[in-house]
PDB file of N, CA and C in Angstrom:
ATOM      1  N   MET A   1      -1.242 -27.395 -17.639  1.00  0.00           N
ATOM      2  CA  MET A   1      -0.822 -27.223 -16.262  1.00  0.00           C
ATOM      3  C   MET A   1       0.651 -26.825 -16.254  1.00  0.00           C
ATOM      4  N   GLU A   2       0.926 -25.713 -15.640  1.00  0.00           N
ATOM      5  CA  GLU A   2       2.305 -25.267 -15.566  1.00  0.00           C
ATOM      6  C   GLU A   2       2.858 -25.336 -14.153  1.00  0.00           C
ATOM      7  N   ASP A   3       2.013 -25.630 -13.183  1.00  0.00           N
ATOM      8  CA  ASP A   3       2.466 -25.756 -11.805  1.00  0.00           C
ATOM      9  C   ASP A   3       2.984 -27.172 -11.595  1.00  0.00           C
ATOM     10  N   ARG A   4       4.275 -27.303 -11.498  1.00  0.00           N
ATOM     11  CA  ARG A   4       4.880 -28.638 -11.417  1.00  0.00           C
ATOM     12  C   ARG A   4       4.522 -29.366 -10.119  1.00  0.00           C
ATOM     13  N   VAL A   5       4.332 -28.627  -9.047  1.00  0.00           N
ATOM     14  CA  VAL A   5       3.996 -29.273  -7.771  1.00  0.00           C
ATOM     15  C   VAL A   5       2.609 -29.906  -7.846  1.00  0.00           C
ATOM     16  N   THR A   6       1.653 -29.160  -8.375  1.00  0.00           N
ATOM     17  CA  THR A   6       0.298 -29.699  -8.528  1.00  0.00           C
ATOM     18  C   THR A   6       0.306 -30.874  -9.502  1.00  0.00           C
ATOM     19  N   LEU A   7       1.045 -30.708 -10.569  1.00  0.00           N
ATOM     20  CA  LEU A   7       1.144 -31.762 -11.572  1.00  0.00           C
ATOM     21  C   LEU A   7       1.724 -33.043 -10.965  1.00  0.00           C
ATOM     22  N   ASP A   8       2.789 -32.903 -10.211  1.00  0.00           N
ATOM     23  CA  ASP A   8       3.386 -34.077  -9.553  1.00  0.00           C
ATOM     24  C   ASP A   8       2.426 -34.705  -8.558  1.00  0.00           C
ATOM     25  N   GLY A   9       1.673 -33.891  -7.849  1.00  0.00           N
ATOM     26  CA  GLY A   9       0.702 -34.416  -6.888  1.00  0.00           C
ATOM     27  C   GLY A   9      -0.387 -35.218  -7.567  1.00  0.00           C
ATOM     28  N   ILE A  10      -0.880 -34.704  -8.682  1.00  0.00           N
ATOM     29  CA  ILE A  10      -1.934 -35.422  -9.410  1.00  0.00           C
ATOM     30  C   ILE A  10      -1.391 -36.737  -9.958  1.00  0.00           C
ATOM     31  N   LEU A  11      -0.188 -36.679 -10.529  1.00  0.00           N
ATOM     32  CA  LEU A  11       0.400 -37.914 -11.063  1.00  0.00           C
ATOM     33  C   LEU A  11       0.655 -38.932  -9.964  1.00  0.00           C
ATOM     34  N   LEU A  12       1.053 -38.462  -8.800  1.00  0.00           N
ATOM     35  CA  LEU A  12       1.294 -39.369  -7.678  1.00  0.00           C
ATOM     36  C   LEU A  12       0.000 -40.056  -7.254  1.00  0.00           C
ATOM     37  N   LYS A  13      -1.084 -39.295  -7.164  1.00  0.00           N
ATOM     38  CA  LYS A  13      -2.376 -39.892  -6.801  1.00  0.00           C
ATOM     39  C   LYS A  13      -2.833 -40.889  -7.864  1.00  0.00           C
ATOM     40  N   CYS A  14      -2.648 -40.526  -9.128  1.00  0.00           N
ATOM     41  CA  CYS A  14      -3.077 -41.407 -10.211  1.00  0.00           C
ATOM     42  C   CYS A  14      -2.277 -42.707 -10.218  1.00  0.00           C
ATOM     43  N   ASP A  15      -0.983 -42.608  -9.927  1.00  0.00           N
ATOM     44  CA  ASP A  15      -0.141 -43.806  -9.965  1.00  0.00           C
ATOM     45  C   ASP A  15      -0.327 -44.684  -8.744  1.00  0.00           C
ATOM     46  N   GLN A  16      -0.588 -44.103  -7.578  1.00  0.00           N
ATOM     47  CA  GLN A  16      -0.709 -44.898  -6.353  1.00  0.00           C
ATOM     48  C   GLN A  16      -2.007 -45.683  -6.305  1.00  0.00           C
ATOM     49  N   ASP A  17      -3.130 -45.000  -6.542  1.00  0.00           N
ATOM     50  CA  ASP A  17      -4.421 -45.678  -6.432  1.00  0.00           C
ATOM     51  C   ASP A  17      -5.374 -45.101  -7.482  1.00  0.00           C
ATOM     52  N   PRO A  18      -5.386 -45.665  -8.669  1.00  0.00           N
ATOM     53  CA  PRO A  18      -6.228 -45.127  -9.738  1.00  0.00           C
ATOM     54  C   PRO A  18      -7.724 -45.231  -9.448  1.00  0.00           C
ATOM     55  N   THR A  19      -8.133 -46.102  -8.525  1.00  0.00           N
ATOM     56  CA  THR A  19      -9.564 -46.243  -8.228  1.00  0.00           C
ATOM     57  C   THR A  19     -10.103 -45.075  -7.416  1.00  0.00           C
ATOM     58  N   LYS A  20      -9.232 -44.364  -6.690  1.00  0.00           N
ATOM     59  CA  LYS A  20      -9.685 -43.249  -5.855  1.00  0.00           C
ATOM     60  C   LYS A  20      -9.700 -41.911  -6.594  1.00  0.00           C
ATOM     61  N   VAL A  21      -9.273 -41.908  -7.842  1.00  0.00           N
ATOM     62  CA  VAL A  21      -9.243 -40.668  -8.609  1.00  0.00           C
ATOM     63  C   VAL A  21     -10.669 -40.303  -8.990  1.00  0.00           C
ATOM     64  N   ARG A  22     -11.049 -39.075  -8.723  1.00  0.00           N
ATOM     65  CA  ARG A  22     -12.406 -38.624  -9.016  1.00  0.00           C
ATOM     66  C   ARG A  22     -12.639 -38.460 -10.510  1.00  0.00           C
ATOM     67  N   ASN A  23     -11.636 -37.928 -11.205  1.00  0.00           N
ATOM     68  CA  ASN A  23     -11.817 -37.649 -12.622  1.00  0.00           C
ATOM     69  C   ASN A  23     -10.617 -38.215 -13.384  1.00  0.00           C
ATOM     70  N   PRO A  24     -10.815 -39.286 -14.158  1.00  0.00           N
ATOM     71  CA  PRO A  24      -9.690 -39.889 -14.880  1.00  0.00           C
ATOM     72  C   PRO A  24      -9.094 -38.952 -15.930  1.00  0.00           C
ATOM     73  N   SER A  25      -9.850 -37.977 -16.380  1.00  0.00           N
ATOM     74  CA  SER A  25      -9.306 -37.043 -17.379  1.00  0.00           C
ATOM     75  C   SER A  25      -8.217 -36.168 -16.754  1.00  0.00           C
ATOM     76  N   ASP A  26      -8.268 -35.941 -15.422  1.00  0.00           N
ATOM     77  CA  ASP A  26      -7.202 -35.195 -14.750  1.00  0.00           C
ATOM     78  C   ASP A  26      -5.879 -35.939 -14.854  1.00  0.00           C
ATOM     79  N   CYS A  27      -5.935 -37.261 -14.714  1.00  0.00           N
ATOM     80  CA  CYS A  27      -4.715 -38.063 -14.822  1.00  0.00           C
ATOM     81  C   CYS A  27      -4.150 -37.979 -16.227  1.00  0.00           C
ATOM     82  N   GLU A  28      -5.022 -38.085 -17.210  1.00  0.00           N
ATOM     83  CA  GLU A  28      -4.566 -38.015 -18.600  1.00  0.00           C
ATOM     84  C   GLU A  28      -3.986 -36.634 -18.917  1.00  0.00           C
ATOM     85  N   ASN A  29      -4.661 -35.593 -18.457  1.00  0.00           N
ATOM     86  CA  ASN A  29      -4.153 -34.226 -18.682  1.00  0.00           C
ATOM     87  C   ASN A  29      -2.820 -34.011 -17.986  1.00  0.00           C
ATOM     88  N   ALA A  30      -2.670 -34.570 -16.796  1.00  0.00           N
ATOM     89  CA  ALA A  30      -1.416 -34.427 -16.063  1.00  0.00           C
ATOM     90  C   ALA A  30      -0.279 -35.153 -16.779  1.00  0.00           C
ATOM     91  N   ARG A  31      -0.565 -36.315 -17.334  1.00  0.00           N
ATOM     92  CA  ARG A  31       0.472 -37.032 -18.079  1.00  0.00           C
ATOM     93  C   ARG A  31       0.895 -36.261 -19.328  1.00  0.00           C
ATOM     94  N   ILE A  32      -0.085 -35.711 -20.040  1.00  0.00           N
ATOM     95  CA  ILE A  32       0.224 -34.931 -21.242  1.00  0.00           C
ATOM     96  C   ILE A  32       1.042 -33.695 -20.883  1.00  0.00           C
ATOM     97  N   ALA A  33       0.637 -33.018 -19.818  1.00  0.00           N
ATOM     98  CA  ALA A  33       1.361 -31.816 -19.396  1.00  0.00           C
ATOM     99  C   ALA A  33       2.779 -32.165 -18.962  1.00  0.00           C
ATOM    100  N   ASN A  34       2.931 -33.298 -18.305  1.00  0.00           N
ATOM    101  CA  ASN A  34       4.262 -33.724 -17.866  1.00  0.00           C
ATOM    102  C   ASN A  34       5.155 -34.007 -19.074  1.00  0.00           C
ATOM    103  N   GLU A  35       4.604 -34.637 -20.102  1.00  0.00           N
ATOM    104  CA  GLU A  35       5.374 -34.898 -21.319  1.00  0.00           C
ATOM    105  C   GLU A  35       5.773 -33.592 -22.002  1.00  0.00           C
ATOM    106  N   ARG A  36       4.872 -32.643 -22.046  1.00  0.00           N
ATOM    107  CA  ARG A  36       5.181 -31.358 -22.685  1.00  0.00           C
ATOM    108  C   ARG A  36       6.256 -30.602 -21.922  1.00  0.00           C
ATOM    109  N   LEU A  37       6.165 -30.637 -20.607  1.00  0.00           N
ATOM    110  CA  LEU A  37       7.183 -29.944 -19.799  1.00  0.00           C
ATOM    111  C   LEU A  37       8.538 -30.634 -19.938  1.00  0.00           C
ATOM    112  N   ALA A  38       8.507 -31.940 -20.101  1.00  0.00           N
ATOM    113  CA  ALA A  38       9.769 -32.666 -20.257  1.00  0.00           C
ATOM    114  C   ALA A  38      10.433 -32.326 -21.587  1.00  0.00           C
ATOM    115  N   THR A  39       9.627 -32.051 -22.611  1.00  0.00           N
ATOM    116  CA  THR A  39      10.200 -31.718 -23.915  1.00  0.00           C
ATOM    117  C   THR A  39      10.738 -30.300 -23.968  1.00  0.00           C
ATOM    118  N   GLN A  40      10.289 -29.457 -23.075  1.00  0.00           N
ATOM    119  CA  GLN A  40      10.798 -28.072 -23.043  1.00  0.00           C
ATOM    120  C   GLN A  40      12.130 -28.092 -22.307  1.00  0.00           C
ATOM    121  N   ARG A  41      13.173 -28.033 -23.058  1.00  0.00           N
ATOM    122  CA  ARG A  41      14.495 -28.059 -22.434  1.00  0.00           C
ATOM    123  C   ARG A  41      14.999 -26.639 -22.303  1.00  0.00           C
ATOM    124  N   VAL A  42      15.512 -26.347 -21.139  1.00  0.00           N
ATOM    125  CA  VAL A  42      16.046 -25.016 -20.867  1.00  0.00           C
ATOM    126  C   VAL A  42      17.554 -25.079 -21.071  1.00  0.00           C
ATOM    127  N   ASP A  43      18.046 -24.171 -21.883  1.00  0.00           N
ATOM    128  CA  ASP A  43      19.480 -24.091 -22.130  1.00  0.00           C
ATOM    129  C   ASP A  43      20.172 -23.614 -20.851  1.00  0.00           C
ATOM    130  N   PRO A  44      21.187 -24.328 -20.380  1.00  0.00           N
ATOM    131  CA  PRO A  44      21.855 -23.934 -19.130  1.00  0.00           C
ATOM    132  C   PRO A  44      22.463 -22.533 -19.198  1.00  0.00           C
ATOM    133  N   GLU A  45      22.956 -22.140 -20.349  1.00  0.00           N
ATOM    134  CA  GLU A  45      23.530 -20.797 -20.496  1.00  0.00           C
ATOM    135  C   GLU A  45      22.454 -19.723 -20.366  1.00  0.00           C
ATOM    136  N   VAL A  46      21.309 -19.988 -20.950  1.00  0.00           N
ATOM    137  CA  VAL A  46      20.194 -19.032 -20.848  1.00  0.00           C
ATOM    138  C   VAL A  46      19.730 -18.940 -19.403  1.00  0.00           C
ATOM    139  N   GLU A  47      19.666 -20.085 -18.748  1.00  0.00           N
ATOM    140  CA  GLU A  47      19.239 -20.087 -17.354  1.00  0.00           C
ATOM    141  C   GLU A  47      20.234 -19.353 -16.467  1.00  0.00           C
ATOM    142  N   LYS A  48      21.531 -19.544 -16.708  1.00  0.00           N
ATOM    143  CA  LYS A  48      22.556 -18.827 -15.934  1.00  0.00           C
ATOM    144  C   LYS A  48      22.450 -17.321 -16.148  1.00  0.00           C
ATOM    145  N   ARG A  49      22.262 -16.923 -17.409  1.00  0.00           N
ATOM    146  CA  ARG A  49      22.144 -15.496 -17.718  1.00  0.00           C
ATOM    147  C   ARG A  49      20.895 -14.903 -17.057  1.00  0.00           C
ATOM    148  N   ARG A  50      19.798 -15.666 -17.109  1.00  0.00           N
ATOM    149  CA  ARG A  50      18.550 -15.208 -16.476  1.00  0.00           C
ATOM    150  C   ARG A  50      18.731 -15.070 -14.962  1.00  0.00           C
ATOM    151  N   GLN A  51      19.409 -16.037 -14.363  1.00  0.00           N
ATOM    152  CA  GLN A  51      19.663 -15.991 -12.921  1.00  0.00           C
ATOM    153  C   GLN A  51      20.570 -14.819 -12.564  1.00  0.00           C
ATOM    154  N   ALA A  52      21.599 -14.575 -13.378  1.00  0.00           N
ATOM    155  CA  ALA A  52      22.512 -13.448 -13.123  1.00  0.00           C
ATOM    156  C   ALA A  52      21.773 -12.122 -13.245  1.00  0.00           C
ATOM    157  N   ASP A  53      20.903 -12.000 -14.248  1.00  0.00           N
ATOM    158  CA  ASP A  53      20.114 -10.769 -14.400  1.00  0.00           C
ATOM    159  C   ASP A  53      19.188 -10.564 -13.210  1.00  0.00           C
ATOM    160  N   PHE A  54      18.609 -11.669 -12.747  1.00  0.00           N
ATOM    161  CA  PHE A  54      17.728 -11.579 -11.592  1.00  0.00           C
ATOM    162  C   PHE A  54      18.495 -11.118 -10.356  1.00  0.00           C
ATOM    163  N   GLU A  55      19.669 -11.699 -10.127  1.00  0.00           N
ATOM    164  CA  GLU A  55      20.478 -11.316  -8.969  1.00  0.00           C
ATOM    165  C   GLU A  55      20.905  -9.850  -9.056  1.00  0.00           C
ATOM    166  N   LYS A  56      21.250  -9.405 -10.245  1.00  0.00           N
ATOM    167  CA  LYS A  56      21.658  -8.014 -10.436  1.00  0.00           C
ATOM    168  C   LYS A  56      20.496  -7.064 -10.138  1.00  0.00           C
ATOM    169  N   ALA A  57      19.318  -7.404 -10.651  1.00  0.00           N
ATOM    170  CA  ALA A  57      18.136  -6.571 -10.400  1.00  0.00           C
ATOM    171  C   ALA A  57      17.775  -6.573  -8.919  1.00  0.00           C
ATOM    172  N   ARG A  58      17.913  -7.725  -8.269  1.00  0.00           N
ATOM    173  CA  ARG A  58      17.596  -7.798  -6.842  1.00  0.00           C
ATOM    174  C   ARG A  58      18.576  -6.966  -6.024  1.00  0.00           C
ATOM    175  N   GLU A  59      19.850  -7.001  -6.386  1.00  0.00           N
ATOM    176  CA  GLU A  59      20.858  -6.208  -5.680  1.00  0.00           C
ATOM    177  C   GLU A  59      20.601  -4.714  -5.866  1.00  0.00           C
ATOM    178  N   GLN A  60      20.216  -4.318  -7.078  1.00  0.00           N
ATOM    179  CA  GLN A  60      19.896  -2.907  -7.319  1.00  0.00           C
ATOM    180  C   GLN A  60      18.695  -2.479  -6.487  1.00  0.00           C
ATOM    181  N   LEU A  61      17.686  -3.318  -6.434  1.00  0.00           N
ATOM    182  CA  LEU A  61      16.500  -3.009  -5.633  1.00  0.00           C
ATOM    183  C   LEU A  61      16.858  -2.901  -4.164  1.00  0.00           C
ATOM    184  N   ARG A  62      17.693  -3.817  -3.681  1.00  0.00           N
ATOM    185  CA  ARG A  62      18.098  -3.777  -2.275  1.00  0.00           C
ATOM    186  C   ARG A  62      18.862  -2.503  -1.965  1.00  0.00           C
ATOM    187  N   LEU A  63      19.780  -2.102  -2.855  1.00  0.00           N
ATOM    188  CA  LEU A  63      20.550  -0.875  -2.636  1.00  0.00           C
ATOM    189  C   LEU A  63      19.639   0.353  -2.646  1.00  0.00           C
ATOM    190  N   THR A  64      18.688   0.373  -3.563  1.00  0.00           N
ATOM    191  CA  THR A  64      17.744   1.496  -3.637  1.00  0.00           C
ATOM    192  C   THR A  64      16.909   1.577  -2.370  1.00  0.00           C
ATOM    193  N   GLN A  65      16.423   0.430  -1.901  1.00  0.00           N
ATOM    194  CA  GLN A  65      15.612   0.422  -0.688  1.00  0.00           C
ATOM    195  C   GLN A  65      16.442   0.800   0.532  1.00  0.00           C
ATOM    196  N   ASP A  66      17.696   0.362   0.599  1.00  0.00           N
ATOM    197  CA  ASP A  66      18.566   0.755   1.708  1.00  0.00           C
ATOM    198  C   ASP A  66      18.805   2.255   1.713  1.00  0.00           C
ATOM    199  N   LYS A  67      19.009   2.816   0.543  1.00  0.00           N
ATOM    200  CA  LYS A  67      19.236   4.259   0.438  1.00  0.00           C
ATOM    201  C   LYS A  67      17.997   5.037   0.897  1.00  0.00           C
ATOM    202  N   LEU A  68      16.824   4.603   0.450  1.00  0.00           N
ATOM    203  CA  LEU A  68      15.586   5.264   0.877  1.00  0.00           C
ATOM    204  C   LEU A  68      15.378   5.135   2.380  1.00  0.00           C
ATOM    205  N   ARG A  69      15.676   3.959   2.917  1.00  0.00           N
ATOM    206  CA  ARG A  69      15.518   3.753   4.361  1.00  0.00           C
ATOM    207  C   ARG A  69      16.463   4.661   5.141  1.00  0.00           C
ATOM    208  N   GLN A  70      17.702   4.782   4.680  1.00  0.00           N
ATOM    209  CA  GLN A  70      18.663   5.651   5.361  1.00  0.00           C
ATOM    210  C   GLN A  70      18.245   7.116   5.279  1.00  0.00           C
ATOM    211  N   GLU A  71      17.689   7.528   4.137  1.00  0.00           N
ATOM    212  CA  GLU A  71      17.201   8.901   4.010  1.00  0.00           C
ATOM    213  C   GLU A  71      16.047   9.155   4.972  1.00  0.00           C
ATOM    214  N   GLN A  72      15.147   8.191   5.088  1.00  0.00           N
ATOM    215  CA  GLN A  72      14.025   8.345   6.014  1.00  0.00           C
ATOM    216  C   GLN A  72      14.518   8.414   7.454  1.00  0.00           C
ATOM    217  N   GLU A  73      15.490   7.587   7.794  1.00  0.00           N
ATOM    218  CA  GLU A  73      16.030   7.613   9.152  1.00  0.00           C
ATOM    219  C   GLU A  73      16.732   8.936   9.425  1.00  0.00           C
ATOM    220  N   ALA A  74      17.415   9.468   8.426  1.00  0.00           N
ATOM    221  CA  ALA A  74      18.114  10.741   8.610  1.00  0.00           C
ATOM    222  C   ALA A  74      17.123  11.881   8.815  1.00  0.00           C
ATOM    223  N   LYS A  75      15.966  11.795   8.159  1.00  0.00           N
ATOM    224  CA  LYS A  75      14.955  12.837   8.324  1.00  0.00           C
ATOM    225  C   LYS A  75      14.342  12.802   9.716  1.00  0.00           C
ATOM    226  N   THR A  76      14.124  11.623  10.250  1.00  0.00           N
ATOM    227  CA  THR A  76      13.446  11.518  11.540  1.00  0.00           C
ATOM    228  C   THR A  76      14.408  11.607  12.711  1.00  0.00           C
ATOM    229  N   LYS A  77      15.684  11.391  12.480  1.00  0.00           N
ATOM    230  CA  LYS A  77      16.657  11.417  13.564  1.00  0.00           C
ATOM    231  C   LYS A  77      16.961  12.856  13.952  1.00  0.00           C
ATOM    232  N   VAL A  78      17.020  13.139  15.240  1.00  0.00           N
ATOM    233  CA  VAL A  78      17.343  14.463  15.750  1.00  0.00           C
ATOM    234  C   VAL A  78      18.751  14.414  16.320  1.00  0.00           C
ATOM    235  N   ASP A  79      19.603  15.265  15.794  1.00  0.00           N
ATOM    236  CA  ASP A  79      20.972  15.341  16.277  1.00  0.00           C
ATOM    237  C   ASP A  79      21.044  16.501  17.258  1.00  0.00           C
ATOM    238  N   ALA A  80      21.302  16.192  18.502  1.00  0.00           N
ATOM    239  CA  ALA A  80      21.322  17.217  19.548  1.00  0.00           C
ATOM    240  C   ALA A  80      22.418  18.247  19.308  1.00  0.00           C
ATOM    241  N   TYR A  81      23.467  17.855  18.608  1.00  0.00           N
ATOM    242  CA  TYR A  81      24.578  18.768  18.386  1.00  0.00           C
ATOM    243  C   TYR A  81      24.301  19.750  17.250  1.00  0.00           C
ATOM    244  N   SER A  82      23.285  19.487  16.456  1.00  0.00           N
ATOM    245  CA  SER A  82      22.976  20.404  15.363  1.00  0.00           C
ATOM    246  C   SER A  82      21.810  21.335  15.698  1.00  0.00           C
ATOM    247  N   LEU A  83      21.241  21.213  16.869  1.00  0.00           N
ATOM    248  CA  LEU A  83      20.152  22.088  17.266  1.00  0.00           C
ATOM    249  C   LEU A  83      20.692  23.484  17.567  1.00  0.00           C
ATOM    250  N   PRO A  84      19.878  24.510  17.397  1.00  0.00           N
ATOM    251  CA  PRO A  84      20.346  25.864  17.696  1.00  0.00           C
ATOM    252  C   PRO A  84      20.595  26.034  19.188  1.00  0.00           C
ATOM    253  N   VAL A  85      21.569  26.864  19.495  1.00  0.00           N
ATOM    254  CA  VAL A  85      21.918  27.110  20.885  1.00  0.00           C
ATOM    255  C   VAL A  85      21.033  28.236  21.405  1.00  0.00           C
ATOM    256  N   VAL A  86      20.389  27.987  22.523  1.00  0.00           N
ATOM    257  CA  VAL A  86      19.524  28.977  23.142  1.00  0.00           C
ATOM    258  C   VAL A  86      20.139  29.345  24.482  1.00  0.00           C
ATOM    259  N   PRO A  87      20.453  30.622  24.678  1.00  0.00           N
ATOM    260  CA  PRO A  87      21.051  30.997  25.964  1.00  0.00           C
ATOM    261  C   PRO A  87      20.042  30.828  27.095  1.00  0.00           C
ATOM    262  N   VAL A  88      20.532  30.399  28.229  1.00  0.00           N
ATOM    263  CA  VAL A  88      19.679  30.177  29.386  1.00  0.00           C
ATOM    264  C   VAL A  88      19.858  31.367  30.327  1.00  0.00           C
ATOM    265  N   ASP A  89      18.773  32.067  30.583  1.00  0.00           N
ATOM    266  CA  ASP A  89      18.781  33.209  31.493  1.00  0.00           C
ATOM    267  C   ASP A  89      18.133  32.737  32.791  1.00  0.00           C
ATOM    268  N   PRO A  90      18.870  32.727  33.908  1.00  0.00           N
ATOM    269  CA  PRO A  90      18.299  32.190  35.141  1.00  0.00           C
ATOM    270  C   PRO A  90      17.063  32.957  35.598  1.00  0.00           C
ATOM    271  N   THR A  91      17.012  34.257  35.362  1.00  0.00           N
ATOM    272  CA  THR A  91      15.834  35.023  35.803  1.00  0.00           C
ATOM    273  C   THR A  91      14.628  34.672  34.945  1.00  0.00           C
ATOM    274  N   ALA A  92      14.869  34.426  33.656  1.00  0.00           N
ATOM    275  CA  ALA A  92      13.758  34.057  32.786  1.00  0.00           C
ATOM    276  C   ALA A  92      13.265  32.662  33.152  1.00  0.00           C
ATOM    277  N   ALA A  93      14.172  31.796  33.547  1.00  0.00           N
ATOM    278  CA  ALA A  93      13.779  30.452  33.937  1.00  0.00           C
ATOM    279  C   ALA A  93      12.933  30.509  35.202  1.00  0.00           C
ATOM    280  N   ALA A  94      13.286  31.394  36.119  1.00  0.00           N
ATOM    281  CA  ALA A  94      12.516  31.522  37.358  1.00  0.00           C
ATOM    282  C   ALA A  94      11.139  32.099  37.071  1.00  0.00           C
ATOM    283  N   LYS A  95      11.043  33.011  36.112  1.00  0.00           N
ATOM    284  CA  LYS A  95       9.743  33.591  35.766  1.00  0.00           C
ATOM    285  C   LYS A  95       8.828  32.553  35.142  1.00  0.00           C
ATOM    286  N   GLY A  96       9.409  31.654  34.379  1.00  0.00           N
ATOM    287  CA  GLY A  96       8.609  30.616  33.740  1.00  0.00           C
ATOM    288  C   GLY A  96       8.159  29.572  34.737  1.00  0.00           C
ATOM    289  N   ALA A  97       8.897  29.410  35.828  1.00  0.00           N
ATOM    290  CA  ALA A  97       8.543  28.421  36.844  1.00  0.00           C
ATOM    291  C   ALA A  97       7.481  29.009  37.761  1.00  0.00           C
ATOM    292  N   ALA A  98       6.965  28.197  38.641  1.00  0.00           N
ATOM    293  CA  ALA A  98       5.975  28.668  39.604  1.00  0.00           C
ATOM    294  C   ALA A  98       6.648  29.685  40.526  1.00  0.00           C
ATOM    295  N   PRO A  99       5.988  30.782  40.805  1.00  0.00           N
ATOM    296  CA  PRO A  99       6.604  31.797  41.661  1.00  0.00           C
ATOM    297  C   PRO A  99       6.844  31.244  43.061  1.00  0.00           C
ATOM    298  N   ALA A 100       8.033  31.510  43.564  1.00  0.00           N
ATOM    299  CA  ALA A 100       8.376  31.065  44.910  1.00  0.00           C
ATOM    300  C   ALA A 100       7.684  31.973  45.924  1.00  0.00           C
ATOM    301  N   ALA A 101       7.311  31.392  47.044  1.00  0.00           N
ATOM    302  CA  ALA A 101       6.634  32.172  48.084  1.00  0.00           C
ATOM    303  C   ALA A 101       7.643  33.143  48.697  1.00  0.00           C
ATOM    304  N   ALA A 102       7.283  34.404  48.719  1.00  0.00           N
ATOM    305  CA  ALA A 102       8.164  35.420  49.304  1.00  0.00           C
ATOM    306  C   ALA A 102       8.105  35.297  50.816  1.00  0.00           C
ATOM    307  N   PRO A 103       9.227  35.482  51.479  1.00  0.00           N
ATOM    308  CA  PRO A 103       9.194  35.385  52.942  1.00  0.00           C
ATOM    309  C   PRO A 103       8.308  36.486  53.535  1.00  0.00           C
ATOM    310  N   ALA A 104       7.516  36.097  54.482  1.00  0.00           N
ATOM    311  CA  ALA A 104       6.602  37.066  55.120  1.00  0.00           C
ATOM    312  C   ALA A 104       7.399  37.960  56.062  1.00  0.00           C
ATOM    313  N   PRO A 105       7.031  39.212  56.142  1.00  0.00           N
ATOM    314  CA  PRO A 105       7.723  40.088  57.087  1.00  0.00           C
ATOM    315  C   PRO A 105       7.457  39.629  58.519  1.00  0.00           C
ATOM    316  N   ALA A 106       8.443  39.843  59.333  1.00  0.00           N
ATOM    317  CA  ALA A 106       8.317  39.414  60.730  1.00  0.00           C
ATOM    318  C   ALA A 106       7.222  40.238  61.401  1.00  0.00           C
ATOM    319  N   ASP A 107       6.271  39.553  61.966  1.00  0.00           N
ATOM    320  CA  ASP A 107       5.170  40.209  62.674  1.00  0.00           C
ATOM    321  C   ASP A 107       5.420  40.057  64.169  1.00  0.00           C
ATOM    322  N   PRO A 108       5.712  41.177  64.869  1.00  0.00           N
ATOM    323  CA  PRO A 108       6.028  41.064  66.288  1.00  0.00           C
ATOM    324  C   PRO A 108       4.846  40.573  67.114  1.00  0.00           C
ATOM    325  N   SER A 109       3.619  40.725  66.646  1.00  0.00           N
ATOM    326  CA  SER A 109       2.491  40.313  67.467  1.00  0.00           C
ATOM    327  C   SER A 109       2.184  38.837  67.307  1.00  0.00           C
ATOM    328  N   GLY A 110       2.709  38.182  66.287  1.00  0.00           N
ATOM    329  CA  GLY A 110       2.428  36.764  66.045  1.00  0.00           C
ATOM    330  C   GLY A 110       3.381  35.881  66.807  1.00  0.00           C
ATOM    331  N   PRO A 111       3.228  34.605  66.627  1.00  0.00           N
ATOM    332  CA  PRO A 111       4.115  33.654  67.299  1.00  0.00           C
ATOM    333  C   PRO A 111       5.524  33.809  66.764  1.00  0.00           C
ATOM    334  N   PRO A 112       6.491  33.466  67.562  1.00  0.00           N
ATOM    335  CA  PRO A 112       7.876  33.617  67.117  1.00  0.00           C
ATOM    336  C   PRO A 112       8.186  32.623  66.000  1.00  0.00           C
ATOM    337  N   LEU A 113       8.940  33.077  65.021  1.00  0.00           N
ATOM    338  CA  LEU A 113       9.348  32.219  63.929  1.00  0.00           C
ATOM    339  C   LEU A 113      10.654  31.530  64.303  1.00  0.00           C
ATOM    340  N   ALA A 114      10.956  30.439  63.599  1.00  0.00           N
ATOM    341  CA  ALA A 114      12.146  29.653  63.934  1.00  0.00           C
ATOM    342  C   ALA A 114      13.401  30.480  63.801  1.00  0.00           C
ATOM    343  N   GLY A 115      13.492  31.315  62.774  1.00  0.00           N
ATOM    344  CA  GLY A 115      14.692  32.120  62.594  1.00  0.00           C
ATOM    345  C   GLY A 115      14.709  33.334  63.523  1.00  0.00           C
ATOM    346  N   ASN A 116      13.557  33.768  64.035  1.00  0.00           N
ATOM    347  CA  ASN A 116      13.467  34.962  64.849  1.00  0.00           C
ATOM    348  C   ASN A 116      13.206  34.647  66.320  1.00  0.00           C
ATOM    349  N   ALA A 117      13.388  33.437  66.694  1.00  0.00           N
ATOM    350  CA  ALA A 117      13.072  33.042  68.068  1.00  0.00           C
ATOM    351  C   ALA A 117      14.068  33.678  69.020  1.00  0.00           C
ATOM    352  N   THR A 118      13.534  34.210  70.082  1.00  0.00           N
ATOM    353  CA  THR A 118      14.383  34.803  71.131  1.00  0.00           C
ATOM    354  C   THR A 118      14.188  33.980  72.392  1.00  0.00           C
ATOM    355  N   HIS A 119      15.178  33.335  72.809  1.00  0.00           N
ATOM    356  CA  HIS A 119      15.082  32.532  74.034  1.00  0.00           C
ATOM    357  C   HIS A 119      15.958  33.039  75.077  1.00  0.00           C
TER     358      HIS A 119
END
């Protein structure tokens, strides 16, 4: 058993109430594993070096991921100031829009119009 949390849990159950343990061989195996793990001593210098290497690798990964994220954002971002300039022609804009109703010629036989009213 290399999972220390599970190992501690089994030992705790075995020590608190040995009658409720389903399999006594689990208790014996947990004790043996605990003794073996206790004999494996980790050199503090090796552990520090391992931790430093881990931190260095994590920082490199973070920088790489930040760079990729920034590149992706730069690709999807639209800068309005870098877009090509398109000249606006008012007549072309009017042609693209719905045609405006042309004023009807004044018909003398019809009802008087507001602008042509004679009073």
